[in-house]
Amino acid sequence: MSGLINIDDEISRLKKELEKMNAEVERTKKKLSNPRFVDKAPEQVVNKEREKQADYIEKRDKLDARIAELQA
């Protein structure tokens, strides 16, 4: 694997992507913790935000695992 990619560059790239996922998780968390949004937005919009948040968390966890794998 190390012959195919530069490990340090890949870790750096993954960390940048991880930062983006963390920002998206925080954004959706703030939105969903706002009672005005949850109460006033259509149910399908709220559900879509919940789905997005779950997706971002899953991607974040995979990125964490991949970074740990490359650093081992």
C-alpha atoms as a PDB file:
ATOM      1  CA  MET A   1       0.000   0.000   0.000  1.00  0.00           C
ATOM      2  CA  SER A   2       2.761   2.440   0.878  1.00  0.00           C
ATOM      3  CA  GLY A   3       4.132   2.012  -2.626  1.00  0.00           C
ATOM      4  CA  LEU A   4       0.883   3.182  -4.167  1.00  0.00           C
ATOM      5  CA  ILE A   5       0.209   6.294  -2.096  1.00  0.00           C
ATOM      6  CA  ASN A   6       2.134   8.687   0.073  1.00  0.00           C
ATOM      7  CA  ILE A   7       0.892   7.792   3.558  1.00  0.00           C
ATOM      8  CA  ASP A   8       1.494  11.264   5.008  1.00  0.00           C
ATOM      9  CA  ASP A   9      -0.361  12.938   2.142  1.00  0.00           C
ATOM     10  CA  GLU A  10      -3.260  10.518   2.492  1.00  0.00           C
ATOM     11  CA  ILE A  11      -3.474  11.089   6.257  1.00  0.00           C
ATOM     12  CA  SER A  12      -3.437  14.837   5.667  1.00  0.00           C
ATOM     13  CA  ARG A  13      -6.203  14.550   3.073  1.00  0.00           C
ATOM     14  CA  LEU A  14      -8.300  12.359   5.356  1.00  0.00           C
ATOM     15  CA  LYS A  15      -7.843  14.764   8.270  1.00  0.00           C
ATOM     16  CA  LYS A  16      -9.135  17.637   6.125  1.00  0.00           C
ATOM     17  CA  GLU A  17     -12.133  15.550   5.139  1.00  0.00           C
ATOM     18  CA  LEU A  18     -12.629  14.647   8.810  1.00  0.00           C
ATOM     19  CA  GLU A  19     -12.701  18.351   9.719  1.00  0.00           C
ATOM     20  CA  LYS A  20     -15.442  18.892   7.137  1.00  0.00           C
ATOM     21  CA  MET A  21     -17.472  15.984   8.511  1.00  0.00           C
ATOM     22  CA  ASN A  22     -17.081  17.288  12.070  1.00  0.00           C
ATOM     23  CA  ALA A  23     -18.320  20.697  10.925  1.00  0.00           C
ATOM     24  CA  GLU A  24     -21.337  19.112   9.224  1.00  0.00           C
ATOM     25  CA  VAL A  25     -22.138  17.031  12.313  1.00  0.00           C
ATOM     26  CA  GLU A  26     -22.008  20.177  14.454  1.00  0.00           C
ATOM     27  CA  ARG A  27     -24.147  22.117  11.966  1.00  0.00           C
ATOM     28  CA  THR A  28     -26.850  19.468  11.917  1.00  0.00           C
ATOM     29  CA  LYS A  29     -26.643  19.051  15.701  1.00  0.00           C
ATOM     30  CA  LYS A  30     -27.269  22.780  16.191  1.00  0.00           C
ATOM     31  CA  LYS A  31     -30.113  22.766  13.708  1.00  0.00           C
ATOM     32  CA  LEU A  32     -31.789  19.750  15.304  1.00  0.00           C
ATOM     33  CA  SER A  33     -31.336  21.094  18.828  1.00  0.00           C
ATOM     34  CA  ASN A  34     -33.175  24.287  17.865  1.00  0.00           C
ATOM     35  CA  PRO A  35     -36.763  23.771  19.061  1.00  0.00           C
ATOM     36  CA  ARG A  36     -38.049  26.395  16.625  1.00  0.00           C
ATOM     37  CA  PHE A  37     -36.636  24.469  13.671  1.00  0.00           C
ATOM     38  CA  VAL A  38     -37.936  21.107  14.887  1.00  0.00           C
ATOM     39  CA  ASP A  39     -41.389  22.500  15.737  1.00  0.00           C
ATOM     40  CA  LYS A  40     -41.932  24.657  12.658  1.00  0.00           C
ATOM     41  CA  ALA A  41     -40.179  22.771   9.858  1.00  0.00           C
ATOM     42  CA  PRO A  42     -42.122  20.109   7.984  1.00  0.00           C
ATOM     43  CA  GLU A  43     -41.537  16.632   9.394  1.00  0.00           C
ATOM     44  CA  GLN A  44     -39.863  15.471   6.175  1.00  0.00           C
ATOM     45  CA  VAL A  45     -37.319  18.313   6.426  1.00  0.00           C
ATOM     46  CA  VAL A  46     -36.507  17.439  10.030  1.00  0.00           C
ATOM     47  CA  ASN A  47     -36.193  13.761   9.111  1.00  0.00           C
ATOM     48  CA  LYS A  48     -33.894  14.651   6.215  1.00  0.00           C
ATOM     49  CA  GLU A  49     -31.624  16.570   8.617  1.00  0.00           C
ATOM     50  CA  ARG A  50     -31.578  13.574  10.957  1.00  0.00           C
ATOM     51  CA  GLU A  51     -30.610  11.330   8.043  1.00  0.00           C
ATOM     52  CA  LYS A  52     -27.861  13.747   7.020  1.00  0.00           C
ATOM     53  CA  GLN A  53     -26.538  13.834  10.570  1.00  0.00           C
ATOM     54  CA  ALA A  54     -26.458  10.030  10.784  1.00  0.00           C
ATOM     55  CA  ASP A  55     -24.670   9.887   7.423  1.00  0.00           C
ATOM     56  CA  TYR A  56     -22.089  12.473   8.506  1.00  0.00           C
ATOM     57  CA  ILE A  57     -21.457  10.604  11.766  1.00  0.00           C
ATOM     58  CA  GLU A  58     -20.982   7.337   9.882  1.00  0.00           C
ATOM     59  CA  LYS A  59     -18.556   8.965   7.434  1.00  0.00           C
ATOM     60  CA  ARG A  60     -16.695  10.632  10.321  1.00  0.00           C
ATOM     61  CA  ASP A  61     -16.306   7.308  12.107  1.00  0.00           C
ATOM     62  CA  LYS A  62     -15.003   5.639   8.938  1.00  0.00           C
ATOM     63  CA  LEU A  63     -12.508   8.456   8.420  1.00  0.00           C
ATOM     64  CA  ASP A  64     -11.307   8.131  12.027  1.00  0.00           C
ATOM     65  CA  ALA A  65     -10.816   4.401  11.541  1.00  0.00           C
ATOM     66  CA  ARG A  66      -8.970   4.874   8.244  1.00  0.00           C
ATOM     67  CA  ILE A  67      -6.641   7.495   9.744  1.00  0.00           C
ATOM     68  CA  ALA A  68      -5.881   5.204  12.697  1.00  0.00           C
ATOM     69  CA  GLU A  69      -5.225   2.340  10.278  1.00  0.00           C
ATOM     70  CA  LEU A  70      -2.760   4.400   8.259  1.00  0.00           C
ATOM     71  CA  GLN A  71      -0.992   5.700  11.359  1.00  0.00           C
ATOM     72  CA  ALA A  72      -0.495   2.191  12.775  1.00  0.00           C
END
